[in-house]
Amino acid sequence: MIVHDPASLGVHFCSRARRFSSSRLGKSGLAFIAGSLPWQPNAGNPPAAAKLGPWEFFSGEEGRAVEALADRIIPPDQQTPGGKDSGCAVFIDRQLAGPYGQQDGLYLRPPFQPGAKNQGHQSQAGPRQQYRQALAALDRACKAKHSGKSFADLSDDEKDEVLNGLESGEFKLDGADGKAFFEQAIKDMQMGFFADPIYGGNRDMVAWKMIGYPGARYNYLDWVTRHNERFPLPPSA
């Protein structure tokens, strides 16, 4: 039998904080902790807030294309900004620049074989490479069909025509799966639009205001039994 020193396992015992005795265990079986709490506030690993500024992954042309995609996937209206002004492209850029784009924690050794849809990602190419290849192929295809104009320079009607073609599979991209890219872009835009603003999207909590989501408040105990009433406070992130 091997006995480890608790300190070597990173476990710090405090006699004041964990002073248990059989006399404090009543019939209910509850134990009481005396002294200070055995943890520190905010001792977790919170995400770093995304900072506004230059693109961290996209090139300038790629960023323009993704912003144009964002405004057609989530178009603005009189009440709510669209995907561009709500920060969806910034959200995707910061995600691709971080652990998600780096495929952190994924097994990346061959062989790579086509898998079933429910098996998820089965390619050596990660999100970074897929976005970079698809955006370049999208601009090449648009320039070939629209007199040298890139996707970001097309009119809104022309952009919608391209996106409808990607969705149906009729608008082909050379060197990339246009339909799969469009499906992934929609998912990423949705995440950026509704995620906590700390990640770069949902700027000023515009999406939460739009759907009436009150945000990440400490609790809603005062409202648990108050059905069909509008929550009067603005959202909190």
C-alpha atoms as a PDB file:
ATOM      1  CA  MET A   1       0.000   0.000   0.000  1.00  0.00           C
ATOM      2  CA  ILE A   2       1.402   3.401  -1.011  1.00  0.00           C
ATOM      3  CA  VAL A   3       0.546   6.344   1.206  1.00  0.00           C
ATOM      4  CA  HIS A   4       0.911   9.772  -0.378  1.00  0.00           C
ATOM      5  CA  ASP A   5       1.545  12.967   1.511  1.00  0.00           C
ATOM      6  CA  PRO A   6      -1.614  15.055   0.927  1.00  0.00           C
ATOM      7  CA  ALA A   7       0.501  18.167   0.346  1.00  0.00           C
ATOM      8  CA  SER A   8       2.250  16.411  -2.540  1.00  0.00           C
ATOM      9  CA  LEU A   9      -1.107  15.945  -4.227  1.00  0.00           C
ATOM     10  CA  GLY A  10      -1.903  19.640  -4.018  1.00  0.00           C
ATOM     11  CA  VAL A  11      -4.427  19.135  -1.243  1.00  0.00           C
ATOM     12  CA  HIS A  12      -4.099  21.596   1.589  1.00  0.00           C
ATOM     13  CA  PHE A  13      -5.867  20.703   4.779  1.00  0.00           C
ATOM     14  CA  CYS A  14      -6.766  23.354   7.278  1.00  0.00           C
ATOM     15  CA  SER A  15      -7.661  22.196  10.767  1.00  0.00           C
ATOM     16  CA  ARG A  16      -9.703  25.337  11.324  1.00  0.00           C
ATOM     17  CA  ALA A  17     -11.624  25.018   8.068  1.00  0.00           C
ATOM     18  CA  ARG A  18     -12.299  21.293   8.320  1.00  0.00           C
ATOM     19  CA  ARG A  19     -12.931  20.650  11.975  1.00  0.00           C
ATOM     20  CA  PHE A  20     -15.337  17.774  11.893  1.00  0.00           C
ATOM     21  CA  SER A  21     -16.428  15.786  14.888  1.00  0.00           C
ATOM     22  CA  SER A  22     -18.947  13.075  15.500  1.00  0.00           C
ATOM     23  CA  SER A  23     -20.703  15.344  17.962  1.00  0.00           C
ATOM     24  CA  ARG A  24     -21.554  17.681  15.056  1.00  0.00           C
ATOM     25  CA  LEU A  25     -23.071  14.922  13.002  1.00  0.00           C
ATOM     26  CA  GLY A  26     -26.647  14.736  14.147  1.00  0.00           C
ATOM     27  CA  LYS A  27     -29.351  12.416  12.985  1.00  0.00           C
ATOM     28  CA  SER A  28     -29.541  14.396   9.755  1.00  0.00           C
ATOM     29  CA  GLY A  29     -26.016  13.289   8.862  1.00  0.00           C
ATOM     30  CA  LEU A  30     -24.962  16.892   8.081  1.00  0.00           C
ATOM     31  CA  ALA A  31     -21.447  18.136   8.787  1.00  0.00           C
ATOM     32  CA  PHE A  32     -20.489  21.702   9.620  1.00  0.00           C
ATOM     33  CA  ILE A  33     -17.339  23.542   8.580  1.00  0.00           C
ATOM     34  CA  ALA A  34     -15.828  25.834  11.167  1.00  0.00           C
ATOM     35  CA  GLY A  35     -13.507  28.715  10.388  1.00  0.00           C
ATOM     36  CA  SER A  36     -12.837  29.949   6.837  1.00  0.00           C
ATOM     37  CA  LEU A  37     -14.155  28.442   3.624  1.00  0.00           C
ATOM     38  CA  PRO A  38     -11.870  25.823   2.036  1.00  0.00           C
ATOM     39  CA  TRP A  39     -11.654  27.754  -1.265  1.00  0.00           C
ATOM     40  CA  GLN A  40     -10.901  31.237  -2.515  1.00  0.00           C
ATOM     41  CA  PRO A  41     -13.336  33.461  -4.445  1.00  0.00           C
ATOM     42  CA  ASN A  42     -12.657  33.630  -8.184  1.00  0.00           C
ATOM     43  CA  ALA A  43     -10.029  30.896  -7.893  1.00  0.00           C
ATOM     44  CA  GLY A  44     -11.109  29.228 -11.152  1.00  0.00           C
ATOM     45  CA  ASN A  45      -9.804  29.772 -14.651  1.00  0.00           C
ATOM     46  CA  PRO A  46     -12.058  32.416 -16.236  1.00  0.00           C
ATOM     47  CA  PRO A  47     -11.673  33.122 -19.972  1.00  0.00           C
ATOM     48  CA  ALA A  48      -9.636  36.130 -21.026  1.00  0.00           C
ATOM     49  CA  ALA A  49     -11.794  38.889 -22.457  1.00  0.00           C
ATOM     50  CA  ALA A  50     -11.465  39.382 -26.204  1.00  0.00           C
ATOM     51  CA  LYS A  51      -9.901  42.745 -27.007  1.00  0.00           C
ATOM     52  CA  LEU A  52     -11.000  45.013 -29.818  1.00  0.00           C
ATOM     53  CA  GLY A  53      -8.295  45.797 -32.321  1.00  0.00           C
ATOM     54  CA  PRO A  54      -6.617  44.282 -35.394  1.00  0.00           C
ATOM     55  CA  TRP A  55      -7.446  40.826 -36.640  1.00  0.00           C
ATOM     56  CA  GLU A  56      -5.537  38.147 -34.747  1.00  0.00           C
ATOM     57  CA  PHE A  57      -5.990  35.379 -37.320  1.00  0.00           C
ATOM     58  CA  PHE A  58      -7.692  36.735 -40.437  1.00  0.00           C
ATOM     59  CA  SER A  59      -5.891  38.804 -43.034  1.00  0.00           C
ATOM     60  CA  GLY A  60      -7.530  42.085 -43.995  1.00  0.00           C
ATOM     61  CA  GLU A  61      -9.267  40.561 -47.033  1.00  0.00           C
ATOM     62  CA  GLU A  62     -10.392  37.516 -45.061  1.00  0.00           C
ATOM     63  CA  GLY A  63     -11.790  39.762 -42.337  1.00  0.00           C
ATOM     64  CA  ARG A  64     -13.780  41.780 -44.909  1.00  0.00           C
ATOM     65  CA  ALA A  65     -15.217  38.578 -46.349  1.00  0.00           C
ATOM     66  CA  VAL A  66     -16.241  37.222 -42.943  1.00  0.00           C
ATOM     67  CA  GLU A  67     -17.857  40.547 -41.974  1.00  0.00           C
ATOM     68  CA  ALA A  68     -19.779  40.493 -45.267  1.00  0.00           C
ATOM     69  CA  LEU A  69     -20.869  36.923 -44.547  1.00  0.00           C
ATOM     70  CA  ALA A  70     -21.945  37.933 -41.057  1.00  0.00           C
ATOM     71  CA  ASP A  71     -24.199  40.732 -42.302  1.00  0.00           C
ATOM     72  CA  ARG A  72     -25.964  38.460 -44.779  1.00  0.00           C
ATOM     73  CA  ILE A  73     -26.373  35.539 -42.360  1.00  0.00           C
ATOM     74  CA  ILE A  74     -27.576  37.926 -39.618  1.00  0.00           C
ATOM     75  CA  PRO A  75     -28.771  41.058 -41.451  1.00  0.00           C
ATOM     76  CA  PRO A  76     -29.334  44.258 -39.469  1.00  0.00           C
ATOM     77  CA  ASP A  77     -32.744  45.774 -38.893  1.00  0.00           C
ATOM     78  CA  GLN A  78     -34.070  48.914 -37.230  1.00  0.00           C
ATOM     79  CA  GLN A  79     -33.884  47.421 -33.735  1.00  0.00           C
ATOM     80  CA  THR A  80     -30.786  45.216 -33.780  1.00  0.00           C
ATOM     81  CA  PRO A  81     -27.350  45.474 -35.420  1.00  0.00           C
ATOM     82  CA  GLY A  82     -26.371  42.774 -37.869  1.00  0.00           C
ATOM     83  CA  GLY A  83     -23.653  40.183 -37.618  1.00  0.00           C
ATOM     84  CA  LYS A  84     -20.868  42.615 -38.507  1.00  0.00           C
ATOM     85  CA  ASP A  85     -21.644  45.371 -36.012  1.00  0.00           C
ATOM     86  CA  SER A  86     -22.498  42.855 -33.270  1.00  0.00           C
ATOM     87  CA  GLY A  87     -18.967  41.445 -33.513  1.00  0.00           C
ATOM     88  CA  CYS A  88     -19.556  37.988 -35.017  1.00  0.00           C
ATOM     89  CA  ALA A  89     -16.472  38.211 -37.234  1.00  0.00           C
ATOM     90  CA  VAL A  90     -14.367  39.291 -34.245  1.00  0.00           C
ATOM     91  CA  PHE A  91     -15.699  36.322 -32.271  1.00  0.00           C
ATOM     92  CA  ILE A  92     -14.688  33.877 -35.026  1.00  0.00           C
ATOM     93  CA  ASP A  93     -11.295  35.532 -35.470  1.00  0.00           C
ATOM     94  CA  ARG A  94     -10.477  35.261 -31.761  1.00  0.00           C
ATOM     95  CA  GLN A  95     -11.665  31.644 -31.650  1.00  0.00           C
ATOM     96  CA  LEU A  96      -9.479  30.695 -34.611  1.00  0.00           C
ATOM     97  CA  ALA A  97      -6.518  32.483 -33.033  1.00  0.00           C
ATOM     98  CA  GLY A  98      -6.965  30.541 -29.778  1.00  0.00           C
ATOM     99  CA  PRO A  99      -7.222  26.917 -28.618  1.00  0.00           C
ATOM    100  CA  TYR A 100     -10.209  26.140 -30.875  1.00  0.00           C
ATOM    101  CA  GLY A 101      -8.307  27.090 -34.014  1.00  0.00           C
ATOM    102  CA  GLN A 102      -5.201  25.327 -32.759  1.00  0.00           C
ATOM    103  CA  GLN A 103      -7.239  22.133 -32.204  1.00  0.00           C
ATOM    104  CA  ASP A 104      -5.923  22.083 -28.666  1.00  0.00           C
ATOM    105  CA  GLY A 105      -6.558  18.750 -26.961  1.00  0.00           C
ATOM    106  CA  LEU A 106      -7.523  16.844 -30.129  1.00  0.00           C
ATOM    107  CA  TYR A 107      -5.797  13.728 -31.436  1.00  0.00           C
ATOM    108  CA  LEU A 108      -4.192  14.766 -34.729  1.00  0.00           C
ATOM    109  CA  ARG A 109      -2.161  11.762 -35.878  1.00  0.00           C
ATOM    110  CA  PRO A 110      -2.951   9.719 -39.006  1.00  0.00           C
ATOM    111  CA  PRO A 111      -4.504   7.739 -40.499  1.00  0.00           C
ATOM    112  CA  PHE A 112      -7.389  10.045 -41.413  1.00  0.00           C
ATOM    113  CA  GLN A 113     -10.370   8.319 -42.968  1.00  0.00           C
ATOM    114  CA  PRO A 114     -13.822   9.575 -43.911  1.00  0.00           C
ATOM    115  CA  GLY A 115     -16.203   8.963 -41.047  1.00  0.00           C
ATOM    116  CA  ALA A 116     -19.914   9.023 -40.445  1.00  0.00           C
ATOM    117  CA  LYS A 117     -21.537  12.363 -39.713  1.00  0.00           C
ATOM    118  CA  ASN A 118     -22.115  11.442 -36.068  1.00  0.00           C
ATOM    119  CA  GLN A 119     -18.387  10.806 -35.614  1.00  0.00           C
ATOM    120  CA  GLY A 120     -17.580  14.475 -35.957  1.00  0.00           C
ATOM    121  CA  HIS A 121     -14.444  16.005 -37.383  1.00  0.00           C
ATOM    122  CA  GLN A 122     -12.246  13.378 -39.108  1.00  0.00           C
ATOM    123  CA  SER A 123      -9.745  15.491 -41.051  1.00  0.00           C
ATOM    124  CA  GLN A 124      -6.215  16.640 -40.411  1.00  0.00           C
ATOM    125  CA  ALA A 125      -7.236  20.118 -41.543  1.00  0.00           C
ATOM    126  CA  GLY A 126      -8.523  22.076 -38.573  1.00  0.00           C
ATOM    127  CA  PRO A 127     -10.785  25.126 -38.395  1.00  0.00           C
ATOM    128  CA  ARG A 128      -7.969  27.508 -39.301  1.00  0.00           C
ATOM    129  CA  GLN A 129      -7.052  25.724 -42.494  1.00  0.00           C
ATOM    130  CA  GLN A 130     -10.687  25.151 -43.436  1.00  0.00           C
ATOM    131  CA  TYR A 131     -11.587  28.842 -43.061  1.00  0.00           C
ATOM    132  CA  ARG A 132      -8.457  29.993 -44.906  1.00  0.00           C
ATOM    133  CA  GLN A 133      -8.977  27.627 -47.821  1.00  0.00           C
ATOM    134  CA  ALA A 134     -12.711  28.277 -48.084  1.00  0.00           C
ATOM    135  CA  LEU A 135     -12.422  32.082 -47.937  1.00  0.00           C
ATOM    136  CA  ALA A 136      -9.746  32.087 -50.653  1.00  0.00           C
ATOM    137  CA  ALA A 137     -11.824  29.745 -52.813  1.00  0.00           C
ATOM    138  CA  LEU A 138     -14.939  31.873 -52.233  1.00  0.00           C
ATOM    139  CA  ASP A 139     -13.224  35.024 -53.483  1.00  0.00           C
ATOM    140  CA  ARG A 140     -11.796  33.190 -56.520  1.00  0.00           C
ATOM    141  CA  ALA A 141     -15.230  31.856 -57.445  1.00  0.00           C
ATOM    142  CA  CYS A 142     -16.882  35.263 -56.992  1.00  0.00           C
ATOM    143  CA  LYS A 143     -14.236  37.033 -59.083  1.00  0.00           C
ATOM    144  CA  ALA A 144     -14.643  34.474 -61.855  1.00  0.00           C
ATOM    145  CA  LYS A 145     -18.424  34.930 -61.971  1.00  0.00           C
ATOM    146  CA  HIS A 146     -18.803  38.631 -61.100  1.00  0.00           C
ATOM    147  CA  SER A 147     -16.271  40.488 -63.229  1.00  0.00           C
ATOM    148  CA  GLY A 148     -13.384  40.371 -60.764  1.00  0.00           C
ATOM    149  CA  LYS A 149     -15.358  41.381 -57.671  1.00  0.00           C
ATOM    150  CA  SER A 150     -14.607  39.606 -54.399  1.00  0.00           C
ATOM    151  CA  PHE A 151     -17.445  38.446 -52.155  1.00  0.00           C
ATOM    152  CA  ALA A 152     -17.220  41.527 -49.906  1.00  0.00           C
ATOM    153  CA  ASP A 153     -17.613  43.815 -52.946  1.00  0.00           C
ATOM    154  CA  LEU A 154     -20.790  42.179 -54.263  1.00  0.00           C
ATOM    155  CA  SER A 155     -24.207  43.746 -53.840  1.00  0.00           C
ATOM    156  CA  ASP A 156     -26.459  42.282 -51.166  1.00  0.00           C
ATOM    157  CA  ASP A 157     -28.555  40.492 -53.794  1.00  0.00           C
ATOM    158  CA  GLU A 158     -25.427  39.012 -55.367  1.00  0.00           C
ATOM    159  CA  LYS A 159     -24.141  37.891 -51.973  1.00  0.00           C
ATOM    160  CA  ASP A 160     -27.459  36.205 -51.219  1.00  0.00           C
ATOM    161  CA  GLU A 161     -27.330  34.458 -54.599  1.00  0.00           C
ATOM    162  CA  VAL A 162     -23.863  33.123 -53.782  1.00  0.00           C
ATOM    163  CA  LEU A 163     -24.906  31.965 -50.305  1.00  0.00           C
ATOM    164  CA  ASN A 164     -28.037  30.274 -51.644  1.00  0.00           C
ATOM    165  CA  GLY A 165     -25.808  28.474 -54.124  1.00  0.00           C
ATOM    166  CA  LEU A 166     -23.435  27.366 -51.367  1.00  0.00           C
ATOM    167  CA  GLU A 167     -26.353  26.105 -49.289  1.00  0.00           C
ATOM    168  CA  SER A 168     -27.811  24.087 -52.166  1.00  0.00           C
ATOM    169  CA  GLY A 169     -24.426  22.880 -53.370  1.00  0.00           C
ATOM    170  CA  GLU A 170     -24.855  24.479 -56.811  1.00  0.00           C
ATOM    171  CA  PHE A 171     -22.157  27.132 -56.261  1.00  0.00           C
ATOM    172  CA  LYS A 172     -18.916  25.160 -56.218  1.00  0.00           C
ATOM    173  CA  LEU A 173     -15.641  26.214 -54.623  1.00  0.00           C
ATOM    174  CA  ASP A 174     -12.386  24.976 -56.065  1.00  0.00           C
ATOM    175  CA  GLY A 175     -10.327  23.346 -53.325  1.00  0.00           C
ATOM    176  CA  ALA A 176     -12.988  23.573 -50.586  1.00  0.00           C
ATOM    177  CA  ASP A 177     -16.373  22.111 -49.675  1.00  0.00           C
ATOM    178  CA  GLY A 178     -18.575  25.182 -50.047  1.00  0.00           C
ATOM    179  CA  LYS A 179     -21.689  23.620 -48.559  1.00  0.00           C
ATOM    180  CA  ALA A 180     -19.836  22.376 -45.457  1.00  0.00           C
ATOM    181  CA  PHE A 181     -18.121  25.749 -45.052  1.00  0.00           C
ATOM    182  CA  PHE A 182     -21.423  27.628 -45.232  1.00  0.00           C
ATOM    183  CA  GLU A 183     -23.012  25.327 -42.658  1.00  0.00           C
ATOM    184  CA  GLN A 184     -20.067  25.808 -40.300  1.00  0.00           C
ATOM    185  CA  ALA A 185     -20.080  29.582 -40.841  1.00  0.00           C
ATOM    186  CA  ILE A 186     -23.759  29.746 -39.847  1.00  0.00           C
ATOM    187  CA  LYS A 187     -23.071  27.831 -36.630  1.00  0.00           C
ATOM    188  CA  ASP A 188     -20.098  30.050 -35.786  1.00  0.00           C
ATOM    189  CA  MET A 189     -22.070  33.228 -36.498  1.00  0.00           C
ATOM    190  CA  GLN A 190     -24.890  32.040 -34.257  1.00  0.00           C
ATOM    191  CA  MET A 191     -22.456  31.308 -31.438  1.00  0.00           C
ATOM    192  CA  GLY A 192     -20.810  34.699 -31.831  1.00  0.00           C
ATOM    193  CA  PHE A 193     -24.161  36.486 -31.885  1.00  0.00           C
ATOM    194  CA  PHE A 194     -25.562  34.860 -28.728  1.00  0.00           C
ATOM    195  CA  ALA A 195     -22.412  34.139 -26.684  1.00  0.00           C
ATOM    196  CA  ASP A 196     -21.279  36.142 -23.682  1.00  0.00           C
ATOM    197  CA  PRO A 197     -19.726  39.423 -24.912  1.00  0.00           C
ATOM    198  CA  ILE A 198     -16.459  38.473 -23.206  1.00  0.00           C
ATOM    199  CA  TYR A 199     -15.698  36.390 -26.318  1.00  0.00           C
ATOM    200  CA  GLY A 200     -15.908  39.321 -28.729  1.00  0.00           C
ATOM    201  CA  GLY A 201     -19.399  38.915 -30.192  1.00  0.00           C
ATOM    202  CA  ASN A 202     -22.849  39.973 -28.974  1.00  0.00           C
ATOM    203  CA  ARG A 203     -21.438  43.466 -28.590  1.00  0.00           C
ATOM    204  CA  ASP A 204     -23.283  45.502 -25.962  1.00  0.00           C
ATOM    205  CA  MET A 205     -25.421  42.378 -25.413  1.00  0.00           C
ATOM    206  CA  VAL A 206     -27.517  43.261 -28.473  1.00  0.00           C
ATOM    207  CA  ALA A 207     -28.649  39.660 -29.034  1.00  0.00           C
ATOM    208  CA  TRP A 208     -29.664  39.192 -25.408  1.00  0.00           C
ATOM    209  CA  LYS A 209     -31.660  42.434 -25.521  1.00  0.00           C
ATOM    210  CA  MET A 210     -33.339  41.281 -28.724  1.00  0.00           C
ATOM    211  CA  ILE A 211     -34.643  38.015 -27.209  1.00  0.00           C
ATOM    212  CA  GLY A 212     -35.173  39.374 -23.686  1.00  0.00           C
ATOM    213  CA  TYR A 213     -32.516  37.215 -22.062  1.00  0.00           C
ATOM    214  CA  PRO A 214     -31.570  38.784 -18.697  1.00  0.00           C
ATOM    215  CA  GLY A 215     -27.997  37.501 -18.787  1.00  0.00           C
ATOM    216  CA  ALA A 216     -25.663  35.887 -16.309  1.00  0.00           C
ATOM    217  CA  ARG A 217     -27.012  37.204 -13.025  1.00  0.00           C
ATOM    218  CA  TYR A 218     -26.175  35.643  -9.663  1.00  0.00           C
ATOM    219  CA  ASN A 219     -29.623  34.157  -9.205  1.00  0.00           C
ATOM    220  CA  TYR A 220     -33.309  34.707  -9.929  1.00  0.00           C
ATOM    221  CA  LEU A 221     -34.761  33.525  -6.630  1.00  0.00           C
ATOM    222  CA  ASP A 222     -37.090  36.512  -6.403  1.00  0.00           C
ATOM    223  CA  TRP A 223     -38.554  35.618  -9.789  1.00  0.00           C
ATOM    224  CA  VAL A 224     -38.934  31.833  -9.591  1.00  0.00           C
ATOM    225  CA  THR A 225     -42.666  31.979  -8.879  1.00  0.00           C
ATOM    226  CA  ARG A 226     -43.482  35.133 -10.858  1.00  0.00           C
ATOM    227  CA  HIS A 227     -44.688  33.620 -14.116  1.00  0.00           C
ATOM    228  CA  ASN A 228     -45.551  35.580 -17.265  1.00  0.00           C
ATOM    229  CA  GLU A 229     -43.957  38.772 -15.954  1.00  0.00           C
ATOM    230  CA  ARG A 230     -41.360  40.699 -17.909  1.00  0.00           C
ATOM    231  CA  PHE A 231     -38.031  40.889 -16.110  1.00  0.00           C
ATOM    232  CA  PRO A 232     -37.483  44.637 -15.584  1.00  0.00           C
ATOM    233  CA  LEU A 233     -33.667  44.800 -15.466  1.00  0.00           C
ATOM    234  CA  PRO A 234     -31.312  45.008 -18.463  1.00  0.00           C
ATOM    235  CA  PRO A 235     -29.111  42.001 -19.288  1.00  0.00           C
ATOM    236  CA  SER A 236     -25.920  41.461 -17.365  1.00  0.00           C
ATOM    237  CA  ALA A 237     -22.762  39.735 -18.643  1.00  0.00           C
END
